Structure formats: structure tokens, C-alpha cells
């Protein structure tokens, strides 16, 4: 056998091996993540069937971030007069079956005015374990609530991405920069 034929056989074997690995990884990814239909169903049950635009917001998150490994269902109160504060709590559920109670609080600063109470459905991406949620996640937020509104933003810390989808009531307008600190226990200190 010539070296050229051996090299070609090696390349063919390598290519065949890679072709077998790709479907296995895709199947593993599907097993450990939620599909769009399941997330839309959970979100509609949480927010209520009458939520217009919810499926489009979730579709946008799937297009930009892919399939989430989990989600948080919760509630949040926030208010701002240039400087803002947010407090919330919810239940984290990962596709792996892990669950945890999560609290969050954080400051913001920007051109922001008003108050709102929101139901929050947060898509969770690349979270290696439930304990990895307990840290600060910076983000940029823009709000326009006049009685009610739905919105989504992204919070990122290293590879972990959180996409809170908020359906709120109140009066709030503006844009701000800040972070949310996710904790195991409730804290009234926003830092």
C-alpha cells in the first residue's frame, strides 16, 4: 500500500467518524435542552393564553440563542427615577430535572422613570448546573410600559445567557444599564 493510499484511507476513516459524532451530539443537545414548542406552551400557561406577541418574542430568542437548558418562572417589582431597583423571585427548572428557588435583586442607572410589577419567564442558556445561576448578570434594559407591555432583554456572564421575558403592568419608560444578582435567599440589599 502506498503512502498516498494510506493517507486517503485515513482521511476517509476520519471523515466517517466525524459524520457519526455529529448526529450523536445533536441528539444529546436535544435531550438536554427544551424545544421551542415546549417553551411556548410553558410560557403561555404561565402568562395566560391572551398574551399577544409572546410566541414571536420566544421565536426571536431561539433564533438568536438556540435551545435553552432551562427556564425560571417568577415575579418582579422594579422602580426607577434615573437610578432603579429591581427585586424578584422565581423557580428555576432545568431540562436535566434539577430545580431551585431563585431570588434576584439589582440596581440600574439610566434614562429611566416609573414603576412596574411583572411576571417574568426567563430562558436559561449554557448553565452547567443549577448552582451556577447564583452570581451577578449584567445587562441593558429598555422599557416602555403604559398599563401593560411585554419585553425581553439578555443578561450574559461568561458563556451563560439569561433572557428574561417580562409581562408587566405599571408605568415605566426609559433605558438603563445595571445587573441582577441571583441568590439562594431573599436580600433587600440591591448590591
Protein backbone atom coordinates (compact mmCIF):
# COMPACT_ATOMS: atom_id res chain seq x y z
CA UNK A 1 0.00 0.00 0.00
CA UNK A 2 1.44 3.36 -0.98
CA UNK A 3 1.63 6.23 1.50
CA UNK A 4 -0.85 8.24 -0.61
CA UNK A 5 -3.48 5.48 -0.45
CA UNK A 6 -2.90 5.05 3.30
CA UNK A 7 -3.34 8.78 3.83
CA UNK A 8 -6.59 8.78 1.80
CA UNK A 9 -7.93 5.84 3.79
CA UNK A 10 -7.03 7.68 7.00
CA UNK A 11 -8.91 10.79 5.82
CA UNK A 12 -11.95 8.74 4.79
CA UNK A 13 -11.97 7.00 8.16
CA UNK A 14 -11.65 10.32 9.97
CA UNK A 15 -14.47 11.84 7.92
CA UNK A 16 -16.73 8.82 8.57
CA UNK A 17 -16.03 9.09 12.31
CA UNK A 18 -16.88 12.80 12.35
CA UNK A 19 -20.12 12.10 10.48
CA UNK A 20 -21.14 9.65 13.21
CA UNK A 21 -20.27 12.06 16.04
CA UNK A 22 -22.37 14.99 14.72
CA UNK A 23 -25.77 13.21 14.96
CA UNK A 24 -24.87 11.87 18.39
CA UNK A 25 -24.08 15.40 19.63
CA UNK A 26 -27.30 16.76 18.11
CA UNK A 27 -29.32 14.03 19.85
CA UNK A 28 -27.55 14.77 23.16
CA UNK A 29 -28.25 18.50 22.72
CA UNK A 30 -31.95 17.80 22.10
CA UNK A 31 -32.08 15.58 25.19
CA UNK A 32 -30.58 18.31 27.43
CA UNK A 33 -32.46 21.32 26.04
CA UNK A 34 -36.03 22.48 25.56
CA UNK A 35 -37.62 22.75 22.12
CA UNK A 36 -39.47 25.89 21.08
CA UNK A 37 -42.91 24.30 21.22
CA UNK A 38 -42.43 23.21 24.86
CA UNK A 39 -41.20 26.67 25.89
CA UNK A 40 -44.10 28.45 24.16
CA UNK A 41 -46.54 26.10 25.92
CA UNK A 42 -44.95 26.69 29.36
CA UNK A 43 -44.84 30.46 28.82
CA UNK A 44 -48.47 30.63 27.67
CA UNK A 45 -49.58 28.61 30.69
CA UNK A 46 -47.58 30.96 32.93
CA UNK A 47 -48.63 34.27 31.34
CA UNK A 48 -52.08 33.22 30.10
CA UNK A 49 -53.33 32.43 26.62
CA UNK A 50 -54.23 36.03 25.73
CA UNK A 51 -50.61 37.20 25.55
CA UNK A 52 -50.07 38.73 22.12
CA UNK A 53 -46.61 38.57 20.66
CA UNK A 54 -45.28 36.07 23.21
CA UNK A 55 -44.58 33.37 20.61
CA UNK A 56 -42.71 35.94 18.46
CA UNK A 57 -40.52 37.00 21.39
CA UNK A 58 -39.69 33.36 22.14
CA UNK A 59 -39.01 32.68 18.45
CA UNK A 60 -36.56 35.60 18.42
CA UNK A 61 -34.72 34.16 21.45
CA UNK A 62 -34.49 30.74 19.76
CA UNK A 63 -33.15 32.33 16.56
CA UNK A 64 -30.52 34.33 18.43
CA UNK A 65 -29.54 31.95 21.24
CA UNK A 66 -30.72 28.46 20.27
CA UNK A 67 -32.33 25.94 22.60
CA UNK A 68 -32.35 26.76 26.35
CA UNK A 69 -31.30 24.29 29.05
CA UNK A 70 -33.91 25.67 31.43
CA UNK A 71 -36.21 28.47 32.46
CA UNK A 72 -37.24 30.50 35.51
CA UNK A 73 -40.88 31.34 36.25
CA UNK A 74 -41.15 34.28 38.62
CA UNK A 75 -42.34 37.73 39.63
CA UNK A 76 -40.52 41.06 39.81
CA UNK A 77 -41.10 44.54 41.18
CA UNK A 78 -39.00 47.45 39.99
CA UNK A 79 -38.96 51.22 40.10
CA UNK A 80 -36.68 53.97 38.87
CA UNK A 81 -36.07 57.68 38.88
CA UNK A 82 -32.79 57.66 36.93
CA UNK A 83 -31.48 55.13 39.49
CA UNK A 84 -33.58 51.99 39.66
CA UNK A 85 -34.01 48.93 41.84
CA UNK A 86 -35.43 45.53 40.96
CA UNK A 87 -36.44 42.65 43.22
CA UNK A 88 -37.77 39.28 42.17
CA UNK A 89 -38.18 35.60 42.94
CA UNK A 90 -38.87 32.50 40.92
CA UNK A 91 -38.42 28.79 40.35
CA UNK A 92 -35.57 27.52 38.16
CA UNK A 93 -36.25 24.33 36.22
CA UNK A 94 -33.53 22.69 34.12
CA UNK A 95 -34.16 20.07 31.44
CA UNK A 96 -31.86 17.76 33.44
CA UNK A 97 -34.54 17.72 36.17
CA UNK A 98 -32.70 19.99 38.61
CA UNK A 99 -34.82 22.69 40.27
CA UNK A 100 -34.09 25.55 42.65
CA UNK A 101 -35.69 28.61 44.20
CA UNK A 102 -34.02 31.79 42.92
CA UNK A 103 -34.17 35.36 44.19
CA UNK A 104 -32.74 38.36 42.38
CA UNK A 105 -32.14 41.99 43.11
CA UNK A 106 -30.12 44.70 41.49
CA UNK A 107 -29.52 48.34 40.72
CA UNK A 108 -29.68 50.15 37.40
CA UNK A 109 -28.86 53.62 36.14
CA UNK A 110 -30.01 55.41 33.02
CA UNK A 111 -32.77 57.47 31.50
CA UNK A 112 -35.45 55.55 33.33
CA UNK A 113 -38.61 56.62 35.14
CA UNK A 114 -41.57 54.78 36.64
CA UNK A 115 -42.55 51.53 38.32
CA UNK A 116 -43.81 48.15 37.22
CA UNK A 117 -44.82 44.76 38.52
CA UNK A 118 -44.01 41.93 36.13
CA UNK A 119 -44.38 38.24 35.66
CA UNK A 120 -41.01 37.02 34.39
CA UNK A 121 -40.28 33.94 32.29
CA UNK A 122 -36.50 33.70 31.87
CA UNK A 123 -34.91 31.41 29.29
CA UNK A 124 -31.61 29.99 30.57
CA UNK A 125 -28.74 29.07 28.22
CA UNK A 126 -25.46 27.22 28.84
CA UNK A 127 -25.97 26.79 32.59
CA UNK A 128 -23.75 23.85 33.62
CA UNK A 129 -25.60 23.24 36.93
CA UNK A 130 -28.28 24.94 38.98
CA UNK A 131 -25.70 26.44 41.37
CA UNK A 132 -24.08 28.38 38.51
CA UNK A 133 -27.12 30.70 38.45
CA UNK A 134 -26.08 32.28 41.78
CA UNK A 135 -24.00 35.22 40.55
CA UNK A 136 -24.34 38.71 39.06
CA UNK A 137 -25.51 39.07 35.45
CA UNK A 138 -25.02 42.46 33.78
CA UNK A 139 -27.49 43.69 31.20
CA UNK A 140 -29.01 46.59 29.31
CA UNK A 141 -32.74 47.11 29.54
CA UNK A 142 -35.23 49.28 27.72
CA UNK A 143 -38.79 49.59 28.98
CA UNK A 144 -41.99 51.12 27.77
CA UNK A 145 -44.95 50.14 29.95
CA UNK A 146 -48.14 52.08 29.75
CA UNK A 147 -50.53 49.94 31.79
CA UNK A 148 -49.17 46.69 30.26
CA UNK A 149 -46.36 45.51 28.00
CA UNK A 150 -44.13 42.56 27.11
CA UNK A 151 -40.39 42.75 26.55
CA UNK A 152 -37.17 40.74 26.56
CA UNK A 153 -33.52 41.54 27.12
CA UNK A 154 -30.33 39.48 27.51
CA UNK A 155 -28.04 39.15 30.51
CA UNK A 156 -24.68 37.49 29.98
CA UNK A 157 -21.96 36.22 32.29
CA UNK A 158 -19.18 34.30 30.52
CA UNK A 159 -21.00 31.60 28.46
CA UNK A 160 -24.22 31.71 30.50
CA UNK A 161 -27.03 33.76 28.94
CA UNK A 162 -30.33 34.66 30.58
CA UNK A 163 -33.23 36.01 28.52
CA UNK A 164 -35.91 37.42 30.84
CA UNK A 165 -39.28 37.88 29.14
CA UNK A 166 -41.37 40.29 31.19
CA UNK A 167 -45.08 40.90 31.01
CA UNK A 168 -45.68 43.87 33.22
CA UNK A 169 -48.25 46.30 34.47
CA UNK A 170 -47.49 49.83 35.58
CA UNK A 171 -46.00 52.95 34.11
CA UNK A 172 -42.36 52.79 33.08
CA UNK A 173 -40.30 54.27 30.28
CA UNK A 174 -36.61 54.53 29.54
CA UNK A 175 -33.37 52.65 29.10
CA UNK A 176 -30.83 51.62 31.71
CA UNK A 177 -27.67 49.66 32.43
CA UNK A 178 -27.30 47.50 35.51
CA UNK A 179 -27.12 43.98 36.79
CA UNK A 180 -29.22 41.44 38.61
CA UNK A 181 -27.68 39.41 41.40
CA UNK A 182 -29.27 35.94 41.57
CA UNK A 183 -29.15 34.47 45.10
CA UNK A 184 -30.36 31.48 47.10
CA UNK A 185 -32.06 33.65 49.71
CA UNK A 186 -34.04 36.88 49.59
CA UNK A 187 -31.96 40.01 50.13
CA UNK A 188 -33.13 43.59 50.31
CA UNK A 189 -29.64 44.94 49.70
CA UNK A 190 -29.64 45.52 45.93
CA UNK A 191 -25.88 45.21 45.54
